[in-house]
Amino acid sequence: MIVRMYFIQDVPFTFDELPESAIYDKELIEIANKYYHYEPEDLYKNSFYLIDEEAHPCLFDLDLENPEDMPLFNEY
């Protein structure tokens, strides 16, 4: 699956799924194949590490260089 990954200081912590049509985009597939393939466990560990350090940008108020590039979460 090709996804949009989110990183903080080079640590991947979450992702957004791309539309199903992305799997047919040859240019996007070539770009994705150049990058590391993450397993769900990688994100799980990294996300909990950031939570433990109170550095998870989706859960804690942080001064971010590009806050507009963070994933959007529904507020309850």
Protein backbone atom coordinates (compact mmCIF):
# COMPACT_ATOMS: atom_id res chain seq x y z
CA MET A 1 0.00 0.00 0.00
CA ILE A 2 1.27 3.47 -0.81
CA VAL A 3 0.59 6.01 1.93
CA ARG A 4 1.54 9.55 2.89
CA MET A 5 3.89 9.27 5.86
CA TYR A 6 4.27 11.87 8.59
CA PHE A 7 7.61 12.37 10.32
CA ILE A 8 8.89 14.45 13.19
CA GLN A 9 12.67 14.79 13.24
CA ASP A 10 12.92 11.86 10.82
CA VAL A 11 10.77 9.61 13.04
CA PRO A 12 7.68 8.29 11.22
CA PHE A 13 4.67 8.26 13.53
CA THR A 14 1.50 8.04 11.44
CA PHE A 15 0.21 7.96 7.89
CA ASP A 16 -2.76 8.77 5.68
CA GLU A 17 -4.03 6.33 3.10
CA LEU A 18 -4.03 7.61 -0.46
CA PRO A 19 -6.99 7.16 -2.80
CA GLU A 20 -7.23 3.70 -4.36
CA SER A 21 -6.33 5.19 -7.73
CA ALA A 22 -2.79 5.80 -6.39
CA ILE A 23 -1.93 2.12 -6.84
CA TYR A 24 -2.27 2.59 -10.61
CA ASP A 25 -0.07 5.71 -10.82
CA LYS A 26 3.23 4.42 -12.25
CA GLU A 27 5.13 7.60 -11.41
CA LEU A 28 3.95 7.46 -7.79
CA ILE A 29 4.86 3.77 -7.57
CA GLU A 30 8.40 4.51 -8.79
CA ILE A 31 8.80 7.26 -6.19
CA ALA A 32 7.43 5.04 -3.41
CA ASN A 33 9.76 2.18 -4.34
CA LYS A 34 12.78 4.44 -3.71
CA TYR A 35 11.90 4.80 -0.02
CA TYR A 36 12.05 2.55 3.00
CA HIS A 37 9.09 0.25 3.53
CA TYR A 38 7.65 0.61 7.03
CA GLU A 39 5.79 -2.06 8.93
CA PRO A 40 2.82 -1.23 11.19
CA GLU A 41 4.97 -2.18 14.19
CA ASP A 42 7.50 0.54 13.25
CA LEU A 43 4.82 3.20 13.49
CA TYR A 44 3.39 1.70 16.67
CA LYS A 45 6.77 1.82 18.43
CA ASN A 46 7.63 5.28 17.13
CA SER A 47 4.26 6.71 18.04
CA PHE A 48 4.48 5.40 21.60
CA TYR A 49 8.05 6.67 21.89
CA LEU A 50 6.85 10.16 20.93
CA ILE A 51 3.96 9.91 23.39
CA ASP A 52 6.33 8.87 26.20
CA GLU A 53 8.53 11.86 25.39
CA GLU A 54 5.47 14.14 25.16
CA ALA A 55 6.57 14.95 21.64
CA HIS A 56 3.72 13.47 19.59
CA PRO A 57 2.44 16.42 17.54
CA CYS A 58 -1.10 15.05 17.36
CA LEU A 59 -1.42 14.83 21.15
CA PHE A 60 0.75 17.61 22.56
CA ASP A 61 1.12 21.30 21.77
CA LEU A 62 4.47 21.68 20.06
CA ASP A 63 6.15 24.46 18.15
CA LEU A 64 6.34 22.96 14.68
CA GLU A 65 8.09 24.36 11.63
CA ASN A 66 5.29 23.20 9.30
CA PRO A 67 2.10 22.66 11.31
CA GLU A 68 0.07 22.77 8.09
CA ASP A 69 1.79 19.53 7.03
CA MET A 70 0.50 17.56 10.01
CA PRO A 71 -2.40 15.13 9.57
CA LEU A 72 -5.87 16.40 10.34
CA PHE A 73 -7.66 14.70 13.20
CA ASN A 74 -11.24 15.18 14.21
CA GLU A 75 -11.67 16.90 17.55
CA TYR A 76 -14.24 15.31 19.81
